[in-house]
Amino acid sequence: MSTGAELLRTHGLRVTRPRLAVLEVLTAGGHLEVDEIARQVRTRLESVSTQAVYDVLGALSRAGLARRIEPAGSPARFEARAGDNHHHIVCRGCGAIADVDCAAGEPPCMMPSSTHGFALDEAEVTFWGLCPACQTRREADTSA
């Protein structure tokens, strides 16, 4: 398995402490908001600005080491799982997000009725519903 420094170099990025820390936070998993990423990075580094975290996330996203997702009504979130054209399920109750593998073959997984001349390479699908905890909460509320 590649180290964070090797990943950064392989993708043409300079190795810096903030980049390594952000990459470490993202590879731990989840769909994290910038404030949460910054909070976790600050436990690894003496100090880092929120703007520096945004800059690192931008560089990682452009290099294909991070993916930015923006579910409707939610702030941008970032994840380390990038480049595989997976989709997401979002809970309408609590905002929890889970990954869903591509539903139909190779990226972009789905084709629109017209491409308007675009060369397509990705489809972004968001499924919406209630997570198990919110379903249980709703059932409890309706039976009370």
Protein backbone atom coordinates (compact mmCIF):
# COMPACT_ATOMS: atom_id res chain seq x y z
CA MET A 1 0.00 0.00 0.00
CA SER A 2 1.26 3.48 -0.87
CA THR A 3 2.06 5.99 1.80
CA GLY A 4 0.49 9.43 1.69
CA ALA A 5 3.80 10.94 0.54
CA GLU A 6 4.04 8.42 -2.31
CA LEU A 7 0.45 9.11 -3.37
CA LEU A 8 1.06 12.85 -3.43
CA ARG A 9 4.26 12.48 -5.46
CA THR A 10 2.66 9.98 -7.86
CA HIS A 11 -0.10 12.51 -8.55
CA GLY A 12 2.34 15.36 -9.13
CA LEU A 13 1.84 17.13 -5.80
CA ARG A 14 4.47 18.42 -3.42
CA VAL A 15 4.53 16.65 -0.07
CA THR A 16 3.57 19.04 2.74
CA ARG A 17 2.43 18.44 6.30
CA PRO A 18 -1.05 19.92 5.66
CA ARG A 19 -1.52 17.75 2.54
CA LEU A 20 -0.44 14.64 4.41
CA ALA A 21 -2.75 15.44 7.34
CA VAL A 22 -5.79 16.14 5.13
CA LEU A 23 -5.12 12.98 3.10
CA GLU A 24 -4.88 10.98 6.33
CA VAL A 25 -8.22 12.36 7.55
CA LEU A 26 -9.92 11.60 4.24
CA THR A 27 -8.54 8.08 3.92
CA ALA A 28 -9.92 7.27 7.38
CA GLY A 29 -13.31 7.33 5.66
CA GLY A 30 -16.53 9.23 5.55
CA HIS A 31 -18.06 12.16 3.72
CA LEU A 32 -16.69 15.06 5.71
CA GLU A 33 -17.48 18.76 5.74
CA VAL A 34 -14.51 21.15 5.60
CA ASP A 35 -14.98 22.22 9.24
CA GLU A 36 -14.74 18.60 10.40
CA ILE A 37 -11.68 17.97 8.23
CA ALA A 38 -10.03 21.12 9.64
CA ARG A 39 -10.86 20.07 13.21
CA GLN A 40 -9.29 16.64 12.67
CA VAL A 41 -6.25 18.10 10.89
CA ARG A 42 -5.67 20.45 13.84
CA THR A 43 -5.32 17.42 16.12
CA ARG A 44 -2.42 16.27 13.91
CA LEU A 45 -0.71 19.62 13.27
CA GLU A 46 0.08 22.49 15.60
CA SER A 47 -1.93 24.95 13.54
CA VAL A 48 -3.54 25.13 10.13
CA SER A 49 -6.02 27.64 8.78
CA THR A 50 -9.37 26.69 7.33
CA GLN A 51 -8.26 28.38 4.09
CA ALA A 52 -5.21 26.09 3.98
CA VAL A 53 -7.52 23.08 4.34
CA TYR A 54 -9.68 24.40 1.46
CA ASP A 55 -6.54 24.86 -0.65
CA VAL A 56 -5.35 21.32 0.10
CA LEU A 57 -8.78 19.86 -0.68
CA GLY A 58 -8.80 21.72 -4.00
CA ALA A 59 -5.36 20.36 -4.90
CA LEU A 60 -6.29 16.81 -3.85
CA SER A 61 -9.56 16.99 -5.83
CA ARG A 62 -7.83 18.27 -8.98
CA ALA A 63 -5.22 15.49 -8.65
CA GLY A 64 -7.93 12.81 -8.30
CA LEU A 65 -7.10 11.96 -4.67
CA ALA A 66 -10.32 13.40 -3.25
CA ARG A 67 -13.87 13.89 -4.44
CA ARG A 68 -16.16 16.80 -3.60
CA ILE A 69 -19.86 16.03 -3.34
CA GLU A 70 -22.66 18.51 -2.74
CA PRO A 71 -25.97 16.89 -1.84
CA ALA A 72 -28.86 19.35 -2.18
CA GLY A 73 -29.35 21.38 0.98
CA SER A 74 -25.99 20.31 2.42
CA PRO A 75 -22.57 21.94 2.53
CA ALA A 76 -19.84 20.47 0.34
CA ARG A 77 -18.35 17.26 1.63
CA PHE A 78 -15.15 15.49 0.69
CA GLU A 79 -14.14 11.86 0.52
CA ALA A 80 -11.04 9.91 -0.48
CA ARG A 81 -12.95 7.52 -2.72
CA ALA A 82 -12.47 9.18 -6.10
CA GLY A 83 -12.30 8.18 -9.73
CA ASP A 84 -14.54 5.12 -9.61
CA ASN A 85 -17.85 6.85 -10.49
CA HIS A 86 -19.70 5.57 -7.42
CA HIS A 87 -22.93 7.19 -6.25
CA HIS A 88 -24.42 8.18 -2.89
CA ILE A 89 -27.46 7.59 -0.71
CA VAL A 90 -28.41 10.54 1.52
CA CYS A 91 -30.75 10.36 4.51
CA ARG A 92 -33.45 13.03 4.41
CA GLY A 93 -33.68 12.90 8.20
CA CYS A 94 -30.13 13.23 9.53
CA GLY A 95 -28.04 13.82 6.40
CA ALA A 96 -26.01 10.61 6.72
CA ILE A 97 -24.33 9.61 3.45
CA ALA A 98 -23.38 6.14 2.21
CA ASP A 99 -21.58 5.04 -0.95
CA VAL A 100 -23.31 2.98 -3.64
CA ASP A 101 -21.32 1.29 -6.38
CA CYS A 102 -22.04 2.18 -9.99
CA ALA A 103 -25.34 0.56 -10.94
CA ALA A 104 -24.73 -0.26 -14.59
CA GLY A 105 -21.35 -1.15 -15.99
CA GLU A 106 -18.51 1.17 -16.87
CA PRO A 107 -18.43 4.92 -16.18
CA PRO A 108 -20.37 7.03 -16.77
CA CYS A 109 -22.81 4.22 -15.80
CA MET A 110 -25.77 5.93 -17.43
CA MET A 111 -26.25 7.83 -20.63
CA PRO A 112 -28.62 10.77 -21.05
CA SER A 113 -31.01 10.93 -23.96
CA SER A 114 -28.71 13.55 -25.53
CA THR A 115 -25.07 14.35 -24.81
CA HIS A 116 -25.26 17.76 -26.57
CA GLY A 117 -21.79 16.98 -27.95
CA PHE A 118 -20.16 16.49 -24.56
CA ALA A 119 -17.66 13.64 -24.07
CA LEU A 120 -19.13 12.07 -20.93
CA ASP A 121 -16.93 10.41 -18.32
CA GLU A 122 -19.00 10.45 -15.14
CA ALA A 123 -22.58 10.34 -13.89
CA GLU A 124 -23.41 11.67 -10.44
CA VAL A 125 -26.50 10.08 -8.95
CA THR A 126 -27.87 10.81 -5.50
CA PHE A 127 -30.45 8.50 -3.99
CA TRP A 128 -32.58 9.92 -1.15
CA GLY A 129 -34.39 8.16 1.66
CA LEU A 130 -34.29 7.49 5.40
CA CYS A 131 -31.42 5.67 7.12
CA PRO A 132 -32.29 2.83 9.53
CA ALA A 133 -31.96 5.08 12.61
CA CYS A 134 -34.31 7.71 11.15
CA GLN A 135 -36.78 5.00 10.08
CA THR A 136 -36.84 3.71 13.68
CA ARG A 137 -37.26 7.26 15.03
CA ARG A 138 -40.13 7.92 12.59
CA GLU A 139 -41.85 4.65 13.58
CA ALA A 140 -41.52 5.56 17.25
CA ASP A 141 -42.94 9.05 16.60
CA THR A 142 -45.95 7.72 14.67
CA SER A 143 -46.76 5.06 17.26
CA ALA A 144 -46.56 7.54 20.16
